[in-house]
Amino acid sequence: MVLSHAASDSDVSVHSTFASRYVRTSLPRFKMPENSIPKEAAYQIINDELMLDGNPRLNLASFVTTWMEPECDKLIMSSINKNYVDMDEYPVTTELQNRCVNMIAHLFNAPLGETETAVGVGTVGSSEAIMLAGLAFKRKWQNKRKAEGKPFDKPNIVTGANVQVCWEKFARYFEVELKEVKLREGYYVMDPEQAVEMVDENTICVAAILGSTLNGEFEDVKLLNDLLVIKNKETGWDTPIHVDAASGGFIAPFLYPELEWDFRLPLVKSINVSGHKYGLVYAGIGWVVWRNKEDLPEELIFHINYLGADQPTFTLNFSKGSSQVIAQYYQLIRLGHEGYRNVMENCRENMIVLREGLEKTGRFNIVSKDEGVPLVAFSLKDSSSHTEFEISDMLRRYGWIVPAYTMPPNAQHITVLRVVIREDFSRTLAERLVIDIEKVMHELDELPSRIIHKISLGEEKSEANGDNLMVTVKKSDMEKQREVINGWKKFVSDRKKTNGIC
């Protein structure tokens, strides 16, 4: 959700050169106009503004799919008016969703018999999938505690501090304590041993991540399972595991088939995966599957009949489009194991090209791992003159969107840049990105950043007070970082004004 902001006096209407062929007056920006306008004008007004958005293909911050085959685009457009929840009206769409659930469950080695149907559901994305899985764990834990006559009002989940914000949302929205294993420099995923130590009788599950958003690394789910088996045996608890495979669920089965992280491990009870990431579907589709039907409490499933037939539903959303479900089915049957393997191997090879190119510059430390999501996370070896935030900002001049961010506690002093390698990020683009990063570094080297750095980030800054005494003022890290960036931006802006660069 994006929060809106109030308009200024100069920002109250929409102006369009092309639309003046059809309308002579400006349109109100935050109020519905009184009169209709021609469809051509409406299209042109919106299209003109959208040109100012970034190029999705060059958005290396996102894991989300930005390209699909034209045939799939046609399927999406032909089904864009179908409501996913109208199962009786669109039974084929429902059948395709059920096929996807079963294919994904088998991909994750669910213990299904020959005629047994998998338990799972399509969601808007992994955020909704995680909410549903979390609710199932919470309800099952509460039911057990009630049956034992024990308190059931203080559930908690154990995770690493590297979890995506949707886990924090679940904890806050559904009143579950989030117990986070802190990170440390050089180790940016959850430590299984520390996680198991934090487990208590109120822990509804331990959440492991198969593909951290910070550096793409897979957490050691097998070690977590083995340690938790021992603790459960010692305590009499039955604390389960949920695997957040949003990024890695469509990678590990094809690149690392021998890696044990899924339903092959007995304590893994549910898994979520994002179809719109490496499932290769446009934004708006996720999946959650359970080990078996006993792991999804029946009371969470609603049955409705006002759409024409009895329809079971377990979602936070109700109405939504069918297009992404159909697109997921297209990808699964179009690519198969062979096709997905080829795509993931190609992504990994392009990741290696980018990583090696960055290493050859001699300017960066690689933070990401070879085994994991195909991305490259890297940081400056020497950030005394310039920061990763400046590199990110300057790369936008070349069209690249490369995020810079700090690590979570207790590694927040580490800043990294991250490039996600998707299917549409070719080797040519990887090589071009290295060239542009080298250009940016050369430009930064020529800027008088050391002077700015000395003024803004000096170990101490002395200021005169009213009695002409010198007072030493210490600045916070955030203030120092902000002043460096603002000083650098001012220098670049002044430079543009004087030398005519546009």
Protein backbone atom coordinates (compact mmCIF):
# COMPACT_ATOMS: atom_id res chain seq x y z
CA MET A 1 0.00 0.00 0.00
CA VAL A 2 1.29 3.46 -0.94
CA LEU A 3 0.23 6.33 1.29
CA SER A 4 -1.01 9.40 -0.58
CA HIS A 5 0.12 12.93 0.16
CA ALA A 6 -1.58 16.30 0.10
CA ALA A 7 -1.28 18.38 -3.04
CA SER A 8 0.45 21.74 -3.18
CA ASP A 9 -1.13 24.76 -4.88
CA SER A 10 0.98 24.15 -7.99
CA ASP A 11 0.15 20.46 -8.08
CA VAL A 12 -3.63 20.42 -8.34
CA SER A 13 -4.24 19.73 -12.03
CA VAL A 14 -3.02 17.50 -14.84
CA HIS A 15 -1.68 19.22 -17.96
CA SER A 16 -1.15 17.45 -21.28
CA THR A 17 0.14 18.82 -24.57
CA PHE A 18 -1.30 16.02 -26.67
CA ALA A 19 -4.63 16.01 -24.88
CA SER A 20 -5.13 19.68 -25.77
CA ARG A 21 -6.33 18.41 -29.15
CA TYR A 22 -9.36 17.09 -27.27
CA VAL A 23 -9.61 19.14 -24.08
CA ARG A 24 -8.60 22.77 -23.55
CA THR A 25 -8.82 22.89 -19.78
CA SER A 26 -6.62 21.15 -17.25
CA LEU A 27 -8.01 18.18 -15.37
CA PRO A 28 -8.23 18.17 -11.55
CA ARG A 29 -5.52 15.93 -10.16
CA PHE A 30 -7.14 14.73 -6.93
CA LYS A 31 -10.84 15.10 -7.71
CA MET A 32 -12.95 13.34 -10.29
CA PRO A 33 -13.55 15.72 -13.24
CA GLU A 34 -17.09 16.90 -13.85
CA ASN A 35 -17.11 16.05 -17.57
CA SER A 36 -15.99 13.11 -19.67
CA ILE A 37 -13.02 13.35 -22.04
CA PRO A 38 -12.26 11.38 -25.22
CA LYS A 39 -10.67 7.98 -24.73
CA GLU A 40 -7.65 9.09 -26.77
CA ALA A 41 -7.04 11.98 -24.40
CA ALA A 42 -7.37 9.80 -21.30
CA TYR A 43 -4.93 7.31 -22.76
CA GLN A 44 -2.40 9.96 -23.75
CA ILE A 45 -2.51 11.75 -20.40
CA ILE A 46 -1.80 8.55 -18.48
CA ASN A 47 0.74 7.25 -20.97
CA ASP A 48 2.71 10.49 -20.79
CA GLU A 49 3.02 10.27 -17.01
CA LEU A 50 3.93 6.59 -17.06
CA MET A 51 6.92 7.38 -19.29
CA LEU A 52 8.54 8.83 -16.17
CA ASP A 53 8.49 5.44 -14.43
CA GLY A 54 11.66 3.36 -14.41
CA ASN A 55 12.19 0.64 -17.00
CA PRO A 56 11.05 -2.67 -15.42
CA ARG A 57 13.70 -4.61 -17.36
CA LEU A 58 16.42 -2.45 -15.77
CA ASN A 59 14.89 -2.63 -12.29
CA LEU A 60 17.51 -4.86 -10.71
CA ALA A 61 16.04 -4.27 -7.26
CA SER A 62 13.06 -6.52 -7.90
CA PHE A 63 12.71 -10.30 -7.83
CA VAL A 64 9.41 -10.00 -9.68
CA THR A 65 9.08 -11.28 -13.25
CA THR A 66 9.09 -8.50 -15.88
CA TRP A 67 8.87 -10.53 -19.11
CA MET A 68 6.73 -13.39 -20.39
CA GLU A 69 6.23 -14.93 -23.81
CA PRO A 70 3.70 -13.23 -26.14
CA GLU A 71 1.52 -16.35 -26.15
CA CYS A 72 1.16 -16.12 -22.39
CA ASP A 73 0.46 -12.39 -22.63
CA LYS A 74 -2.46 -13.28 -24.91
CA LEU A 75 -3.82 -15.79 -22.40
CA ILE A 76 -3.56 -13.20 -19.65
CA MET A 77 -5.48 -10.59 -21.63
CA SER A 78 -8.16 -13.06 -22.71
CA SER A 79 -8.85 -14.05 -19.08
CA ILE A 80 -8.35 -10.69 -17.38
CA ASN A 81 -12.12 -10.32 -16.87
CA LYS A 82 -12.53 -13.63 -15.02
CA ASN A 83 -13.00 -13.55 -11.26
CA TYR A 84 -10.85 -16.21 -9.60
CA VAL A 85 -13.41 -16.96 -6.86
CA ASP A 86 -16.30 -17.75 -9.22
CA MET A 87 -15.51 -21.44 -9.24
CA ASP A 88 -18.89 -22.58 -10.47
CA GLU A 89 -18.90 -20.08 -13.34
CA TYR A 90 -15.25 -20.72 -14.29
CA PRO A 91 -14.66 -24.39 -13.44
CA VAL A 92 -11.73 -24.76 -15.85
CA THR A 93 -9.84 -21.94 -14.12
CA THR A 94 -10.43 -23.70 -10.79
CA GLU A 95 -9.16 -26.94 -12.29
CA LEU A 96 -6.00 -25.20 -13.52
CA GLN A 97 -5.39 -23.82 -10.04
CA ASN A 98 -5.75 -27.31 -8.54
CA ARG A 99 -3.31 -28.69 -11.10
CA CYS A 100 -0.79 -26.00 -10.19
CA VAL A 101 -1.13 -26.80 -6.46
CA ASN A 102 -0.49 -30.48 -7.11
CA MET A 103 2.45 -29.84 -9.45
CA ILE A 104 4.08 -27.56 -6.88
CA ALA A 105 3.42 -30.00 -4.02
CA HIS A 106 5.09 -32.81 -5.99
CA LEU A 107 7.96 -30.47 -6.86
CA PHE A 108 8.45 -29.96 -3.12
CA ASN A 109 8.30 -33.72 -2.46
CA ALA A 110 5.01 -33.75 -0.56
CA PRO A 111 4.22 -37.28 0.70
CA LEU A 112 1.24 -37.84 -1.58
CA GLY A 113 -0.18 -41.16 -2.68
CA GLU A 114 -0.96 -41.94 -6.31
CA THR A 115 -4.55 -40.73 -6.05
CA GLU A 116 -4.11 -38.27 -3.20
CA THR A 117 -4.80 -34.57 -3.79
CA ALA A 118 -2.40 -31.94 -2.49
CA VAL A 119 -3.54 -29.35 0.06
CA GLY A 120 -2.77 -25.80 -1.01
CA VAL A 121 -4.10 -22.59 -2.48
CA GLY A 122 -3.15 -19.84 -4.89
CA THR A 123 -2.68 -16.41 -3.31
CA VAL A 124 -2.00 -12.84 -4.41
CA GLY A 125 1.66 -13.35 -3.46
CA SER A 126 3.89 -14.84 -0.78
CA SER A 127 2.73 -12.24 1.75
CA GLU A 128 -0.81 -13.62 1.73
CA ALA A 129 0.57 -17.17 1.60
CA ILE A 130 2.63 -16.54 4.74
CA MET A 131 -0.38 -15.04 6.54
CA LEU A 132 -2.40 -18.19 5.77
CA ALA A 133 0.39 -20.55 6.84
CA GLY A 134 0.92 -18.55 10.03
CA LEU A 135 -2.78 -18.64 10.87
CA ALA A 136 -2.81 -22.42 10.40
CA PHE A 137 0.13 -22.83 12.79
CA LYS A 138 -1.41 -20.47 15.33
CA ARG A 139 -4.80 -22.18 15.29
CA LYS A 140 -3.32 -25.68 15.51
CA TRP A 141 -1.11 -24.63 18.44
CA GLN A 142 -4.05 -22.99 20.21
CA ASN A 143 -6.25 -26.05 19.75
CA LYS A 144 -3.58 -28.28 21.26
CA ARG A 145 -3.00 -25.94 24.22
CA LYS A 146 -6.74 -25.72 24.89
CA ALA A 147 -7.04 -29.51 24.87
CA GLU A 148 -4.18 -29.71 27.38
CA GLY A 149 -5.73 -27.04 29.60
CA LYS A 150 -2.74 -24.72 29.15
CA PRO A 151 -2.61 -20.96 28.39
CA PHE A 152 -2.85 -20.16 24.70
CA ASP A 153 -2.63 -16.35 24.64
CA LYS A 154 1.10 -15.81 24.02
CA PRO A 155 2.10 -17.51 20.74
CA ASN A 156 5.45 -16.72 19.16
CA ILE A 157 7.36 -17.45 15.96
CA VAL A 158 11.13 -17.80 15.75
CA THR A 159 12.79 -16.32 12.65
CA GLY A 160 16.00 -14.68 11.57
CA ALA A 161 16.31 -10.89 11.54
CA ASN A 162 16.63 -11.18 7.77
CA VAL A 163 12.96 -12.07 7.23
CA GLN A 164 10.86 -10.07 4.80
CA VAL A 165 8.51 -7.45 6.24
CA CYS A 166 5.45 -9.68 5.64
CA TRP A 167 6.50 -11.76 8.66
CA GLU A 168 6.51 -8.63 10.81
CA LYS A 169 3.08 -7.79 9.41
CA PHE A 170 1.75 -11.23 10.32
CA ALA A 171 3.11 -10.96 13.85
CA ARG A 172 1.60 -7.51 14.39
CA TYR A 173 -1.73 -8.07 12.64
CA PHE A 174 -2.44 -11.46 14.24
CA GLU A 175 -0.86 -10.82 17.65
CA VAL A 176 2.04 -13.24 17.55
CA GLU A 177 5.38 -12.39 19.13
CA LEU A 178 8.22 -12.38 16.60
CA LYS A 179 11.45 -13.69 18.12
CA GLU A 180 14.32 -12.83 15.79
CA VAL A 181 17.77 -14.37 15.68
CA LYS A 182 20.13 -11.44 15.19
CA LEU A 183 22.63 -11.44 12.35
CA ARG A 184 26.34 -10.78 12.54
CA GLU A 185 28.98 -9.57 10.13
CA GLY A 186 29.77 -12.27 7.61
CA TYR A 187 26.70 -14.36 8.56
CA TYR A 188 23.53 -12.83 7.19
CA VAL A 189 21.01 -15.65 7.67
CA MET A 190 19.38 -17.31 10.66
CA ASP A 191 21.71 -19.44 12.77
CA PRO A 192 19.81 -22.75 13.30
CA GLU A 193 21.43 -23.40 16.67
CA GLN A 194 20.45 -19.99 18.04
CA ALA A 195 16.97 -20.38 16.58
CA VAL A 196 16.37 -23.71 18.34
CA GLU A 197 17.62 -22.23 21.62
CA MET A 198 14.92 -19.54 21.36
CA VAL A 199 12.12 -22.07 20.87
CA ASP A 200 9.81 -22.52 23.85
CA GLU A 201 6.43 -24.13 24.54
CA ASN A 202 4.65 -21.13 23.00
CA THR A 203 6.47 -21.32 19.67
CA ILE A 204 3.95 -22.09 16.93
CA CYS A 205 6.68 -22.66 14.32
CA VAL A 206 10.20 -21.78 13.24
CA ALA A 207 10.30 -19.95 9.90
CA ALA A 208 13.29 -20.69 7.66
CA ILE A 209 14.04 -18.76 4.49
CA LEU A 210 15.08 -20.43 1.27
CA GLY A 211 16.63 -17.41 -0.38
CA SER A 212 17.21 -14.39 1.85
CA THR A 213 16.29 -11.09 0.20
CA LEU A 214 19.48 -9.59 1.64
CA ASN A 215 22.03 -11.79 -0.12
CA GLY A 216 20.11 -14.67 -1.71
CA GLU A 217 21.54 -17.26 0.67
CA PHE A 218 19.61 -20.44 1.54
CA GLU A 219 19.21 -21.11 5.24
CA ASP A 220 20.19 -24.57 6.48
CA VAL A 221 16.72 -26.08 6.83
CA LYS A 222 18.04 -29.62 7.27
CA LEU A 223 20.22 -28.67 10.23
CA LEU A 224 17.30 -26.74 11.71
CA ASN A 225 15.08 -29.82 11.30
CA ASP A 226 17.63 -32.15 12.90
CA LEU A 227 18.23 -29.86 15.89
CA LEU A 228 14.51 -29.30 16.36
CA VAL A 229 13.81 -33.04 16.26
CA ILE A 230 16.22 -33.46 19.18
CA LYS A 231 14.67 -30.60 21.16
CA ASN A 232 11.14 -31.84 20.55
CA LYS A 233 12.13 -35.27 21.80
CA GLU A 234 13.71 -33.79 24.94
CA THR A 235 10.82 -31.46 25.76
CA GLY A 236 7.81 -33.36 24.46
CA TRP A 237 6.90 -30.44 22.18
CA ASP A 238 6.17 -30.82 18.47
CA THR A 239 7.40 -27.46 17.17
CA PRO A 240 7.13 -27.50 13.35
CA ILE A 241 8.91 -25.65 10.54
CA HIS A 242 7.56 -23.40 7.83
CA VAL A 243 9.80 -22.71 4.83
CA ASP A 244 9.50 -19.31 3.23
CA ALA A 245 10.63 -20.30 -0.26
CA ALA A 246 9.29 -17.15 -1.92
CA SER A 247 12.48 -16.67 -3.92
CA GLY A 248 14.15 -20.07 -3.81
CA GLY A 249 11.24 -22.47 -4.22
CA PHE A 250 11.46 -22.49 -8.00
CA ILE A 251 15.28 -22.49 -7.95
CA ALA A 252 16.43 -25.21 -5.56
CA PRO A 253 14.53 -28.13 -7.21
CA PHE A 254 16.25 -27.40 -10.53
CA LEU A 255 19.73 -26.18 -9.54
CA TYR A 256 20.21 -28.11 -6.28
CA PRO A 257 17.93 -31.18 -6.46
CA GLU A 258 19.88 -33.03 -3.74
CA LEU A 259 19.48 -30.21 -1.23
CA GLU A 260 17.05 -31.26 1.52
CA TRP A 261 14.90 -28.32 2.51
CA ASP A 262 11.33 -29.33 1.63
CA PHE A 263 8.79 -31.99 2.68
CA ARG A 264 11.54 -34.60 2.71
CA LEU A 265 12.23 -33.20 6.19
CA PRO A 266 9.58 -34.44 8.65
CA LEU A 267 9.10 -31.17 10.57
CA VAL A 268 8.44 -29.07 7.44
CA LYS A 269 4.65 -28.72 7.52
CA SER A 270 4.06 -25.92 4.99
CA ILE A 271 5.91 -24.07 2.24
CA ASN A 272 5.13 -20.85 0.40
CA VAL A 273 6.55 -19.81 -2.96
CA SER A 274 6.11 -16.77 -5.18
CA GLY A 275 4.93 -17.66 -8.66
CA HIS A 276 5.67 -14.09 -9.67
CA LYS A 277 9.36 -14.40 -8.84
CA TYR A 278 11.25 -17.38 -10.19
CA GLY A 279 7.93 -19.04 -10.99
CA LEU A 280 8.26 -16.70 -14.00
CA VAL A 281 4.81 -15.08 -13.83
CA TYR A 282 3.96 -11.37 -13.69
CA ALA A 283 3.26 -9.85 -10.27
CA GLY A 284 0.18 -11.09 -8.42
CA ILE A 285 0.54 -14.82 -7.77
CA GLY A 286 1.84 -16.88 -4.85
CA TRP A 287 1.28 -20.39 -3.53
CA VAL A 288 1.16 -22.11 -0.18
CA VAL A 289 1.06 -25.88 0.19
CA TRP A 290 0.74 -28.03 3.30
CA ARG A 291 2.32 -31.39 3.99
CA ASN A 292 -1.08 -33.01 4.43
CA LYS A 293 -4.64 -32.02 5.27
CA GLU A 294 -4.11 -32.50 9.02
CA ASP A 295 -1.75 -29.50 8.99
CA LEU A 296 -4.52 -27.14 7.87
CA PRO A 297 -7.24 -26.86 10.56
CA GLU A 298 -10.66 -27.40 9.02
CA GLU A 299 -12.23 -24.49 10.92
CA LEU A 300 -10.14 -22.02 8.89
CA ILE A 301 -11.81 -23.13 5.65
CA PHE A 302 -15.03 -21.33 4.71
CA HIS A 303 -17.75 -22.83 2.54
CA ILE A 304 -19.87 -20.47 0.48
CA ASN A 305 -22.81 -21.28 -1.78
CA TYR A 306 -24.07 -17.92 -3.06
CA LEU A 307 -22.01 -18.13 -6.28
CA GLY A 308 -23.84 -21.20 -7.53
CA ALA A 309 -22.32 -24.17 -5.69
CA ASP A 310 -20.58 -25.12 -2.45
CA GLN A 311 -17.11 -23.60 -2.65
CA PRO A 312 -14.41 -24.03 -0.01
CA THR A 313 -12.17 -21.00 0.39
CA PHE A 314 -9.16 -20.19 2.57
CA THR A 315 -7.83 -16.78 1.55
CA LEU A 316 -7.51 -13.32 3.03
CA ASN A 317 -8.67 -11.83 -0.27
CA PHE A 318 -11.85 -12.74 -2.07
CA SER A 319 -12.26 -11.40 -5.60
CA LYS A 320 -9.16 -11.31 -7.76
CA GLY A 321 -8.22 -11.91 -11.37
CA SER A 322 -7.68 -15.37 -12.84
CA SER A 323 -4.95 -14.29 -15.27
CA GLN A 324 -1.96 -15.05 -13.07
CA VAL A 325 -3.22 -18.53 -12.16
CA ILE A 326 -3.62 -19.31 -15.86
CA ALA A 327 -0.20 -17.83 -16.58
CA GLN A 328 1.37 -20.04 -13.90
CA TYR A 329 -0.16 -23.13 -15.43
CA TYR A 330 1.12 -22.03 -18.84
CA GLN A 331 4.68 -21.76 -17.51
CA LEU A 332 4.56 -25.10 -15.72
CA ILE A 333 3.43 -27.07 -18.77
CA ARG A 334 5.31 -24.93 -21.31
CA LEU A 335 8.71 -25.20 -19.63
CA GLY A 336 8.50 -28.38 -17.58
CA HIS A 337 11.52 -29.51 -15.55
CA GLU A 338 13.82 -29.08 -18.54
CA GLY A 339 12.76 -25.52 -19.29
CA TYR A 340 12.88 -24.31 -15.68
CA ARG A 341 16.30 -25.92 -15.27
CA ASN A 342 17.58 -24.14 -18.38
CA VAL A 343 16.27 -20.76 -17.19
CA MET A 344 17.75 -21.14 -13.71
CA GLU A 345 21.10 -22.34 -15.03
CA ASN A 346 21.23 -19.38 -17.39
CA CYS A 347 20.46 -17.00 -14.51
CA ARG A 348 23.24 -18.57 -12.45
CA GLU A 349 25.73 -18.24 -15.33
CA ASN A 350 24.86 -14.56 -15.79
CA MET A 351 25.24 -14.09 -12.04
CA ILE A 352 28.77 -15.52 -12.26
CA VAL A 353 29.59 -13.18 -15.17
CA LEU A 354 28.47 -10.17 -13.13
CA ARG A 355 30.20 -11.30 -9.95
CA GLU A 356 33.51 -11.96 -11.71
CA GLY A 357 33.27 -8.61 -13.50
CA LEU A 358 32.80 -6.80 -10.19
CA GLU A 359 35.65 -8.75 -8.57
CA LYS A 360 38.01 -7.74 -11.41
CA THR A 361 37.45 -4.07 -10.61
CA GLY A 362 39.13 -4.66 -7.25
CA ARG A 363 36.71 -2.24 -5.62
CA PHE A 364 34.09 -4.53 -4.09
CA ASN A 365 33.57 -7.32 -1.58
CA ILE A 366 31.01 -9.92 -2.68
CA VAL A 367 28.49 -10.55 0.10
CA SER A 368 26.24 -13.07 -1.68
CA LYS A 369 26.94 -16.80 -1.93
CA ASP A 370 27.41 -19.02 -4.98
CA GLU A 371 24.63 -21.36 -3.81
CA GLY A 372 21.30 -19.62 -3.51
CA VAL A 373 19.15 -17.18 -5.44
CA PRO A 374 21.00 -15.90 -8.53
CA LEU A 375 21.86 -12.42 -7.35
CA VAL A 376 25.01 -10.47 -6.57
CA ALA A 377 25.17 -8.50 -3.33
CA PHE A 378 28.34 -6.45 -2.96
CA SER A 379 29.83 -3.65 -0.90
CA LEU A 380 32.72 -1.23 -1.26
CA LYS A 381 36.07 -2.34 0.07
CA ASP A 382 36.82 1.29 0.86
CA SER A 383 33.87 3.52 1.69
CA SER A 384 35.90 6.33 3.24
CA SER A 385 35.42 8.58 0.20
CA HIS A 386 32.12 7.43 -1.28
CA THR A 387 29.19 5.28 -0.24
CA GLU A 388 27.11 2.56 -1.81
CA PHE A 389 24.18 4.99 -1.78
CA GLU A 390 26.06 7.34 -4.09
CA ILE A 391 26.79 4.49 -6.51
CA SER A 392 23.10 3.54 -6.51
CA ASP A 393 22.10 7.13 -7.15
CA MET A 394 24.56 7.65 -10.02
CA LEU A 395 23.65 4.37 -11.74
CA ARG A 396 20.16 5.77 -12.31
CA ARG A 397 21.72 8.16 -14.81
CA TYR A 398 22.39 5.12 -16.96
CA GLY A 399 18.88 3.72 -16.43
CA TRP A 400 19.89 1.07 -13.87
CA ILE A 401 17.86 0.69 -10.68
CA VAL A 402 20.23 -0.93 -8.18
CA PRO A 403 19.22 -0.70 -4.51
CA ALA A 404 21.59 0.11 -1.67
CA TYR A 405 20.59 -0.79 1.89
CA THR A 406 21.96 -1.54 5.33
CA MET A 407 21.80 -4.98 6.91
CA PRO A 408 19.44 -5.70 9.86
CA PRO A 409 20.65 -5.89 13.49
CA ASN A 410 23.33 -6.71 14.51
CA ALA A 411 25.01 -6.11 11.16
CA GLN A 412 23.48 -2.73 10.41
CA HIS A 413 26.90 -1.16 9.91
CA ILE A 414 27.24 -3.14 6.67
CA THR A 415 25.87 -1.46 3.53
CA VAL A 416 25.41 -3.42 0.31
CA LEU A 417 24.25 -3.04 -3.28
CA ARG A 418 22.19 -5.87 -4.79
CA VAL A 419 21.58 -6.96 -8.36
CA VAL A 420 18.88 -9.60 -8.90
CA ILE A 421 19.44 -11.77 -11.98
CA ARG A 422 16.12 -12.54 -13.63
CA GLU A 423 15.31 -14.44 -16.81
CA ASP A 424 15.32 -11.27 -18.91
CA PHE A 425 18.73 -10.10 -17.61
CA SER A 426 21.07 -11.27 -20.35
CA ARG A 427 24.83 -11.75 -20.36
CA THR A 428 25.11 -8.63 -22.53
CA LEU A 429 23.29 -6.60 -19.89
CA ALA A 430 25.49 -8.10 -17.15
CA GLU A 431 28.62 -7.03 -19.01
CA ARG A 432 27.13 -3.60 -19.72
CA LEU A 433 26.29 -3.12 -16.04
CA VAL A 434 29.91 -3.81 -15.05
CA ILE A 435 31.08 -1.21 -17.58
CA ASP A 436 28.63 1.36 -16.24
CA ILE A 437 29.63 0.66 -12.63
CA GLU A 438 33.26 1.23 -13.61
CA LYS A 439 32.25 4.54 -15.22
CA VAL A 440 30.42 5.56 -12.05
CA MET A 441 33.43 4.68 -9.89
CA HIS A 442 35.69 6.72 -12.19
CA GLU A 443 33.33 9.69 -11.98
CA LEU A 444 33.15 9.41 -8.20
CA ASP A 445 36.92 9.27 -7.97
CA GLU A 446 37.10 12.60 -9.81
CA LEU A 447 34.65 14.30 -7.46
CA PRO A 448 36.15 16.21 -4.50
CA SER A 449 34.37 13.85 -2.17
CA ARG A 450 37.26 13.69 0.27
CA ILE A 451 36.79 17.40 0.96
CA ILE A 452 33.06 16.94 1.46
CA HIS A 453 33.78 13.86 3.50
CA LYS A 454 36.24 15.74 5.68
CA ILE A 455 33.79 18.55 6.32
CA SER A 456 30.69 16.43 6.77
CA LEU A 457 32.11 13.31 8.35
CA GLY A 458 35.07 14.70 10.23
CA GLU A 459 35.64 12.74 13.39
CA GLU A 460 34.67 15.88 15.24
CA LYS A 461 33.32 19.27 14.22
CA SER A 462 34.06 22.31 16.35
CA GLU A 463 31.59 25.16 16.68
CA ALA A 464 31.88 28.41 18.59
CA ASN A 465 29.37 29.10 21.33
CA GLY A 466 28.30 32.42 22.76
CA ASP A 467 31.40 32.67 24.98
CA ASN A 468 33.76 32.08 22.05
CA LEU A 469 34.55 28.63 23.36
CA MET A 470 34.92 25.72 20.92
CA VAL A 471 32.37 22.97 21.49
CA THR A 472 32.89 19.51 19.99
CA VAL A 473 29.77 18.13 18.33
CA LYS A 474 29.47 14.44 17.55
CA LYS A 475 27.18 13.42 14.67
CA SER A 476 25.15 10.26 14.32
CA ASP A 477 25.93 7.83 11.53
CA MET A 478 22.67 8.76 9.82
CA GLU A 479 23.50 12.48 9.96
CA LYS A 480 26.96 11.83 8.57
CA GLN A 481 25.60 9.70 5.74
CA ARG A 482 22.90 12.26 4.90
CA GLU A 483 25.40 15.12 4.78
CA VAL A 484 27.75 13.20 2.51
CA ILE A 485 24.95 12.46 0.04
CA ASN A 486 23.55 16.01 0.16
CA GLY A 487 27.00 17.52 -0.25
CA TRP A 488 27.74 15.27 -3.19
CA LYS A 489 24.38 16.03 -4.82
CA LYS A 490 24.97 19.77 -4.45
CA PHE A 491 28.39 19.46 -6.06
CA VAL A 492 26.97 17.52 -9.01
CA SER A 493 24.10 20.00 -9.38
CA ASP A 494 26.48 22.99 -9.37
CA ARG A 495 28.76 21.21 -11.82
CA LYS A 496 25.86 20.66 -14.24
CA LYS A 497 24.94 24.34 -14.12
CA THR A 498 28.44 25.51 -14.96
CA ASN A 499 29.58 23.05 -17.60
CA GLY A 500 26.34 22.63 -19.55
CA ILE A 501 25.92 18.88 -18.95
CA CYS A 502 22.27 17.87 -19.37
